[in-house]
């Protein structure tokens, strides 16, 4: 039986920061129960990145929905036969 091996490509991310900030991050990592500073940084940044992306995508979707809505209101399509028939049926019910 053959097994598949999945190769995960990795990239490096280096940064320089003030020692006070590094000490603060290391303390937070220890108190948070992370194995090391790298795990803390990656986990925290990933959570924040997903939050920012989700929030931005909601705003963009909301903007698109608004554009579609206002376009429909300002430039409505003419009613098709089914809608006209439904309106006529409704008017007939009201006049009874």
C-alpha atoms as a PDB file:
ATOM      1  CA  UNK A   1       0.000   0.000   0.000  1.00  0.00           C
ATOM      2  CA  UNK A   2       1.485   3.336  -1.066  1.00  0.00           C
ATOM      3  CA  UNK A   3       1.270   6.356   1.186  1.00  0.00           C
ATOM      4  CA  UNK A   4       1.073   9.905  -0.028  1.00  0.00           C
ATOM      5  CA  UNK A   5       3.520  12.413   1.282  1.00  0.00           C
ATOM      6  CA  UNK A   6       2.360  15.994   1.372  1.00  0.00           C
ATOM      7  CA  UNK A   7       5.121  18.545   1.250  1.00  0.00           C
ATOM      8  CA  UNK A   8       4.308  21.767   3.047  1.00  0.00           C
ATOM      9  CA  UNK A   9       6.304  24.698   1.815  1.00  0.00           C
ATOM     10  CA  UNK A  10       7.553  27.033   4.491  1.00  0.00           C
ATOM     11  CA  UNK A  11       8.676  30.628   4.462  1.00  0.00           C
ATOM     12  CA  UNK A  12      10.767  32.553   6.920  1.00  0.00           C
ATOM     13  CA  UNK A  13       9.652  35.709   8.732  1.00  0.00           C
ATOM     14  CA  UNK A  14      12.270  37.691  10.651  1.00  0.00           C
ATOM     15  CA  UNK A  15      11.875  40.925  12.534  1.00  0.00           C
ATOM     16  CA  UNK A  16      13.805  43.165  14.838  1.00  0.00           C
ATOM     17  CA  UNK A  17      12.047  44.694  17.808  1.00  0.00           C
ATOM     18  CA  UNK A  18      12.951  46.499  20.993  1.00  0.00           C
ATOM     19  CA  UNK A  19      14.086  44.178  23.804  1.00  0.00           C
ATOM     20  CA  UNK A  20      11.281  45.441  26.067  1.00  0.00           C
ATOM     21  CA  UNK A  21       8.722  44.373  23.500  1.00  0.00           C
ATOM     22  CA  UNK A  22      10.352  40.954  23.097  1.00  0.00           C
ATOM     23  CA  UNK A  23      10.338  40.452  26.870  1.00  0.00           C
ATOM     24  CA  UNK A  24       6.677  41.424  27.000  1.00  0.00           C
ATOM     25  CA  UNK A  25       5.825  38.955  24.224  1.00  0.00           C
ATOM     26  CA  UNK A  26       7.824  36.183  25.892  1.00  0.00           C
ATOM     27  CA  UNK A  27       6.030  36.771  29.185  1.00  0.00           C
ATOM     28  CA  UNK A  28       2.652  36.652  27.439  1.00  0.00           C
ATOM     29  CA  UNK A  29       3.677  33.446  25.671  1.00  0.00           C
ATOM     30  CA  UNK A  30       4.671  31.804  28.971  1.00  0.00           C
ATOM     31  CA  UNK A  31       1.529  32.963  30.766  1.00  0.00           C
ATOM     32  CA  UNK A  32      -0.600  31.881  27.817  1.00  0.00           C
ATOM     33  CA  UNK A  33       0.819  28.368  27.931  1.00  0.00           C
ATOM     34  CA  UNK A  34       2.544  28.516  24.561  1.00  0.00           C
ATOM     35  CA  UNK A  35       5.603  26.320  23.961  1.00  0.00           C
ATOM     36  CA  UNK A  36       7.692  29.263  22.830  1.00  0.00           C
ATOM     37  CA  UNK A  37       7.589  32.793  21.470  1.00  0.00           C
ATOM     38  CA  UNK A  38       7.298  31.605  17.872  1.00  0.00           C
ATOM     39  CA  UNK A  39       4.159  29.561  18.609  1.00  0.00           C
ATOM     40  CA  UNK A  40       2.663  32.528  20.452  1.00  0.00           C
ATOM     41  CA  UNK A  41       3.394  34.993  17.658  1.00  0.00           C
ATOM     42  CA  UNK A  42       2.170  32.715  14.880  1.00  0.00           C
ATOM     43  CA  UNK A  43      -1.024  31.775  16.704  1.00  0.00           C
ATOM     44  CA  UNK A  44      -1.835  35.339  17.731  1.00  0.00           C
ATOM     45  CA  UNK A  45      -1.072  36.840  14.339  1.00  0.00           C
ATOM     46  CA  UNK A  46      -3.080  34.151  12.545  1.00  0.00           C
ATOM     47  CA  UNK A  47      -6.133  34.799  14.720  1.00  0.00           C
ATOM     48  CA  UNK A  48      -5.873  38.558  14.150  1.00  0.00           C
ATOM     49  CA  UNK A  49      -5.300  38.122  10.403  1.00  0.00           C
ATOM     50  CA  UNK A  50      -8.429  35.971  10.055  1.00  0.00           C
ATOM     51  CA  UNK A  51     -10.416  38.513  12.077  1.00  0.00           C
ATOM     52  CA  UNK A  52      -9.276  41.433   9.896  1.00  0.00           C
ATOM     53  CA  UNK A  53      -9.944  39.537   6.659  1.00  0.00           C
ATOM     54  CA  UNK A  54     -13.396  38.425   7.800  1.00  0.00           C
ATOM     55  CA  UNK A  55     -14.328  41.946   8.890  1.00  0.00           C
ATOM     56  CA  UNK A  56     -13.114  43.456   5.604  1.00  0.00           C
ATOM     57  CA  UNK A  57     -14.919  40.862   3.507  1.00  0.00           C
ATOM     58  CA  UNK A  58     -18.155  41.613   5.377  1.00  0.00           C
ATOM     59  CA  UNK A  59     -17.751  45.317   4.648  1.00  0.00           C
ATOM     60  CA  UNK A  60     -17.106  44.626   0.962  1.00  0.00           C
ATOM     61  CA  UNK A  61     -20.114  42.282   0.765  1.00  0.00           C
ATOM     62  CA  UNK A  62     -22.257  44.888   2.492  1.00  0.00           C
ATOM     63  CA  UNK A  63     -21.093  47.566   0.049  1.00  0.00           C
ATOM     64  CA  UNK A  64     -21.900  45.273  -2.898  1.00  0.00           C
ATOM     65  CA  UNK A  65     -25.335  44.519  -1.435  1.00  0.00           C
ATOM     66  CA  UNK A  66     -25.989  48.237  -1.005  1.00  0.00           C
ATOM     67  CA  UNK A  67     -24.975  48.957  -4.596  1.00  0.00           C
ATOM     68  CA  UNK A  68     -27.237  46.169  -5.902  1.00  0.00           C
ATOM     69  CA  UNK A  69     -30.141  47.364  -3.736  1.00  0.00           C
ATOM     70  CA  UNK A  70     -29.856  51.029  -4.746  1.00  0.00           C
ATOM     71  CA  UNK A  71     -29.390  50.090  -8.402  1.00  0.00           C
ATOM     72  CA  UNK A  72     -32.606  48.044  -8.242  1.00  0.00           C
ATOM     73  CA  UNK A  73     -34.485  50.940  -6.634  1.00  0.00           C
ATOM     74  CA  UNK A  74     -33.199  53.656  -8.932  1.00  0.00           C
ATOM     75  CA  UNK A  75     -33.383  51.586 -12.141  1.00  0.00           C
ATOM     76  CA  UNK A  76     -36.098  48.985 -11.597  1.00  0.00           C
ATOM     77  CA  UNK A  77     -36.835  46.337 -14.201  1.00  0.00           C
ATOM     78  CA  UNK A  78     -40.290  46.370 -15.732  1.00  0.00           C
ATOM     79  CA  UNK A  79     -42.561  43.736 -14.182  1.00  0.00           C
ATOM     80  CA  UNK A  80     -42.832  40.468 -16.095  1.00  0.00           C
ATOM     81  CA  UNK A  81     -46.153  38.757 -16.885  1.00  0.00           C
ATOM     82  CA  UNK A  82     -46.102  36.614 -13.735  1.00  0.00           C
ATOM     83  CA  UNK A  83     -45.641  39.671 -11.514  1.00  0.00           C
ATOM     84  CA  UNK A  84     -48.361  41.585 -13.378  1.00  0.00           C
ATOM     85  CA  UNK A  85     -50.731  38.632 -12.981  1.00  0.00           C
ATOM     86  CA  UNK A  86     -49.955  38.401  -9.270  1.00  0.00           C
ATOM     87  CA  UNK A  87     -50.619  42.131  -8.861  1.00  0.00           C
ATOM     88  CA  UNK A  88     -53.926  41.817 -10.694  1.00  0.00           C
ATOM     89  CA  UNK A  89     -54.937  38.849  -8.522  1.00  0.00           C
ATOM     90  CA  UNK A  90     -54.040  40.817  -5.402  1.00  0.00           C
ATOM     91  CA  UNK A  91     -56.068  43.826  -6.544  1.00  0.00           C
ATOM     92  CA  UNK A  92     -59.015  41.541  -7.273  1.00  0.00           C
ATOM     93  CA  UNK A  93     -58.826  40.126  -3.719  1.00  0.00           C
ATOM     94  CA  UNK A  94     -58.832  43.614  -2.243  1.00  0.00           C
ATOM     95  CA  UNK A  95     -61.848  44.708  -4.243  1.00  0.00           C
ATOM     96  CA  UNK A  96     -64.021  41.767  -3.156  1.00  0.00           C
END
